[in-house]
C-alpha atoms as a PDB file:
ATOM      1  CA  MET A   1     125.162  95.201 159.312  1.00  0.00           C
ATOM      2  CA  MET A   2     122.357  96.291 156.960  1.00  0.00           C
ATOM      3  CA  GLN A   3     124.659  95.920 153.955  1.00  0.00           C
ATOM      4  CA  CYS A   4     125.212  92.310 155.032  1.00  0.00           C
ATOM      5  CA  THR A   5     121.445  91.708 154.995  1.00  0.00           C
ATOM      6  CA  ILE A   6     121.093  93.236 151.522  1.00  0.00           C
ATOM      7  CA  GLU A   7     123.958  91.124 150.183  1.00  0.00           C
ATOM      8  CA  SER A   8     122.492  87.976 151.731  1.00  0.00           C
ATOM      9  CA  LEU A   9     119.058  88.646 150.212  1.00  0.00           C
ATOM     10  CA  HIS A  10     120.659  89.281 146.836  1.00  0.00           C
ATOM     11  CA  LYS A  11     122.615  86.011 146.943  1.00  0.00           C
ATOM     12  CA  LYS A  12     119.568  83.938 147.910  1.00  0.00           C
ATOM     13  CA  ASN A  13     117.127  85.583 145.514  1.00  0.00           C
ATOM     14  CA  PRO A  14     118.462  88.354 143.218  1.00  0.00           C
ATOM     15  CA  GLU A  15     114.950  89.318 142.098  1.00  0.00           C
ATOM     16  CA  ILE A  16     113.711  90.039 145.636  1.00  0.00           C
ATOM     17  CA  LEU A  17     115.434  93.415 145.883  1.00  0.00           C
ATOM     18  CA  ALA A  18     114.107  94.518 142.503  1.00  0.00           C
ATOM     19  CA  GLU A  19     110.593  93.445 143.555  1.00  0.00           C
ATOM     20  CA  MET A  20     110.885  95.343 146.839  1.00  0.00           C
ATOM     21  CA  GLU A  21     112.023  98.476 145.004  1.00  0.00           C
ATOM     22  CA  LYS A  22     109.002  98.272 142.649  1.00  0.00           C
ATOM     23  CA  GLY A  23     106.577  97.941 145.562  1.00  0.00           C
ATOM     24  CA  PRO A  24     105.472 100.466 148.156  1.00  0.00           C
ATOM     25  CA  ALA A  25     108.066 102.679 149.796  1.00  0.00           C
ATOM     26  CA  PHE A  26     109.609 101.217 152.929  1.00  0.00           C
ATOM     27  CA  GLU A  27     112.022 102.181 155.671  1.00  0.00           C
ATOM     28  CA  VAL A  28     114.447 100.004 157.565  1.00  0.00           C
ATOM     29  CA  GLY A  29     114.040 100.111 161.331  1.00  0.00           C
ATOM     30  CA  GLY A  30     115.791  98.517 164.258  1.00  0.00           C
ATOM     31  CA  ASN A  31     119.442  98.266 165.158  1.00  0.00           C
ATOM     32  CA  GLU A  32     122.329  95.795 165.277  1.00  0.00           C
ATOM     33  CA  ILE A  33     121.519  94.677 168.810  1.00  0.00           C
ATOM     34  CA  ASP A  34     117.755  94.074 168.445  1.00  0.00           C
ATOM     35  CA  GLY A  35     117.824  93.305 164.733  1.00  0.00           C
ATOM     36  CA  PHE A  36     116.575  95.123 161.665  1.00  0.00           C
ATOM     37  CA  HIS A  37     113.074  95.133 160.193  1.00  0.00           C
ATOM     38  CA  TYR A  38     111.218  96.704 157.284  1.00  0.00           C
ATOM     39  CA  ILE A  39     108.412  99.237 157.729  1.00  0.00           C
ATOM     40  CA  TRP A  40     105.921  99.811 154.894  1.00  0.00           C
ATOM     41  CA  ASP A  41     103.488 102.740 154.701  1.00  0.00           C
ATOM     42  CA  LEU A  42     100.516 100.865 153.274  1.00  0.00           C
ATOM     43  CA  GLU A  43      97.913 103.594 153.874  1.00  0.00           C
ATOM     44  CA  ASN A  44      98.780 105.525 150.717  1.00  0.00           C
ATOM     45  CA  VAL A  45      99.398 102.571 148.425  1.00  0.00           C
ATOM     46  CA  THR A  46      97.606 102.526 145.082  1.00  0.00           C
ATOM     47  CA  PRO A  47      96.238  99.029 144.452  1.00  0.00           C
ATOM     48  CA  THR A  48      97.700  97.305 141.408  1.00  0.00           C
ATOM     49  CA  ARG A  49      97.222  94.070 139.504  1.00  0.00           C
ATOM     50  CA  LYS A  50      99.952  91.900 138.025  1.00  0.00           C
ATOM     51  CA  LEU A  51      99.504  91.047 134.337  1.00  0.00           C
ATOM     52  CA  LEU A  52     100.651  87.827 132.672  1.00  0.00           C
ATOM     53  CA  ASP A  53     103.783  89.552 131.336  1.00  0.00           C
ATOM     54  CA  GLY A  54     104.756  90.585 134.878  1.00  0.00           C
ATOM     55  CA  THR A  55     103.907  94.271 134.591  1.00  0.00           C
ATOM     56  CA  HIS A  56     101.699  95.966 137.169  1.00  0.00           C
ATOM     57  CA  VAL A  57      98.745  98.208 136.348  1.00  0.00           C
ATOM     58  CA  VAL A  58      96.661 100.486 138.575  1.00  0.00           C
ATOM     59  CA  GLU A  59      93.345  99.105 139.852  1.00  0.00           C
ATOM     60  CA  LEU A  60      90.604 101.744 139.956  1.00  0.00           C
ATOM     61  CA  GLU A  61      88.386 102.110 143.011  1.00  0.00           C
ATOM     62  CA  ASP A  62      85.200 101.945 140.903  1.00  0.00           C
ATOM     63  CA  PRO A  63      84.639  99.960 137.704  1.00  0.00           C
ATOM     64  CA  MET A  64      84.379 101.780 134.387  1.00  0.00           C
ATOM     65  CA  ALA A  65      82.671 100.797 131.140  1.00  0.00           C
ATOM     66  CA  LEU A  66      84.618 100.269 127.921  1.00  0.00           C
ATOM     67  CA  THR A  67      82.326 100.483 124.903  1.00  0.00           C
ATOM     68  CA  ILE A  68      82.784  99.417 121.282  1.00  0.00           C
ATOM     69  CA  MET A  69      80.324 100.721 118.678  1.00  0.00           C
ATOM     70  CA  THR A  70      80.334  98.457 115.619  1.00  0.00           C
ATOM     71  CA  LYS A  71      78.147  97.049 112.865  1.00  0.00           C
ATOM     72  CA  CYS A  72      80.048  93.765 112.975  1.00  0.00           C
ATOM     73  CA  PRO A  73      80.452  92.587 116.616  1.00  0.00           C
ATOM     74  CA  GLU A  74      81.675  89.099 115.692  1.00  0.00           C
ATOM     75  CA  LYS A  75      84.901  90.453 114.200  1.00  0.00           C
ATOM     76  CA  TRP A  76      86.096  91.718 117.598  1.00  0.00           C
ATOM     77  CA  ILE A  77      88.353  89.884 120.067  1.00  0.00           C
ATOM     78  CA  LEU A  78      88.848  90.988 123.684  1.00  0.00           C
ATOM     79  CA  GLN A  79      91.689  89.630 125.833  1.00  0.00           C
ATOM     80  CA  ASP A  80      92.010  89.954 129.589  1.00  0.00           C
ATOM     81  CA  ILE A  81      95.791  90.203 129.968  1.00  0.00           C
ATOM     82  CA  GLU A  82      95.569  89.534 133.702  1.00  0.00           C
ATOM     83  CA  THR A  83      93.762  86.170 133.452  1.00  0.00           C
ATOM     84  CA  GLY A  84      94.520  85.221 129.843  1.00  0.00           C
ATOM     85  CA  GLN A  85      90.831  84.854 128.971  1.00  0.00           C
ATOM     86  CA  VAL A  86      89.998  85.611 125.323  1.00  0.00           C
ATOM     87  CA  TYR A  87      86.469  86.592 124.269  1.00  0.00           C
ATOM     88  CA  LYS A  88      84.797  87.006 120.869  1.00  0.00           C
ATOM     89  CA  GLY A  89      82.039  89.552 120.256  1.00  0.00           C
ATOM     90  CA  SER A  90      78.528  88.223 119.581  1.00  0.00           C
ATOM     91  CA  GLN A  91      75.256  89.597 118.213  1.00  0.00           C
ATOM     92  CA  ASP A  92      73.512  88.978 121.554  1.00  0.00           C
ATOM     93  CA  PRO A  93      72.328  92.393 122.841  1.00  0.00           C
ATOM     94  CA  SER A  94      72.286  91.329 126.530  1.00  0.00           C
ATOM     95  CA  PRO A  95      75.083  93.165 128.387  1.00  0.00           C
ATOM     96  CA  ARG A  96      76.537  90.038 130.022  1.00  0.00           C
ATOM     97  CA  GLU A  97      76.238  87.972 126.836  1.00  0.00           C
ATOM     98  CA  GLN A  98      77.867  90.321 124.312  1.00  0.00           C
ATOM     99  CA  TRP A  99      81.241  88.642 124.792  1.00  0.00           C
ATOM    100  CA  LYS A 100      81.639  84.844 124.575  1.00  0.00           C
ATOM    101  CA  LEU A 101      84.663  83.158 126.159  1.00  0.00           C
ATOM    102  CA  ILE A 102      86.539  81.274 123.440  1.00  0.00           C
ATOM    103  CA  THR A 103      89.811  80.285 125.156  1.00  0.00           C
ATOM    104  CA  THR A 104      92.216  81.015 128.009  1.00  0.00           C
ATOM    105  CA  ILE A 105      95.889  81.620 127.316  1.00  0.00           C
ATOM    106  CA  GLU A 106      97.965  80.116 130.097  1.00  0.00           C
ATOM    107  CA  GLU A 107     100.760  82.028 131.823  1.00  0.00           C
ATOM    108  CA  PRO A 108     104.064  81.373 130.035  1.00  0.00           C
ATOM    109  CA  LYS A 109     106.328  78.853 131.790  1.00  0.00           C
ATOM    110  CA  GLU A 110     109.767  80.157 132.700  1.00  0.00           C
END
């Protein structure tokens, strides 16, 4: 019976099984009489974020600083590959003003 469910899922959406396998570990519960269901252990799951290219990266519990030491801040470009936002370095010494948003790259259409 479970094989039938897997085959049906695959026919309707081939990517769904691959996505499930990439996600948190799960078990299949239930039986043929009452039906089958999936059980996920979400207590020990490391949070992740999905980037524009579809890959997943680990999300830290606490933020960390990334620092660039340079004599020419305006030559630097910073891209957030989760949101597509692109920033250019500036000479402004204020922490929240050192990077100026210049554009946002949209998610590619499939």
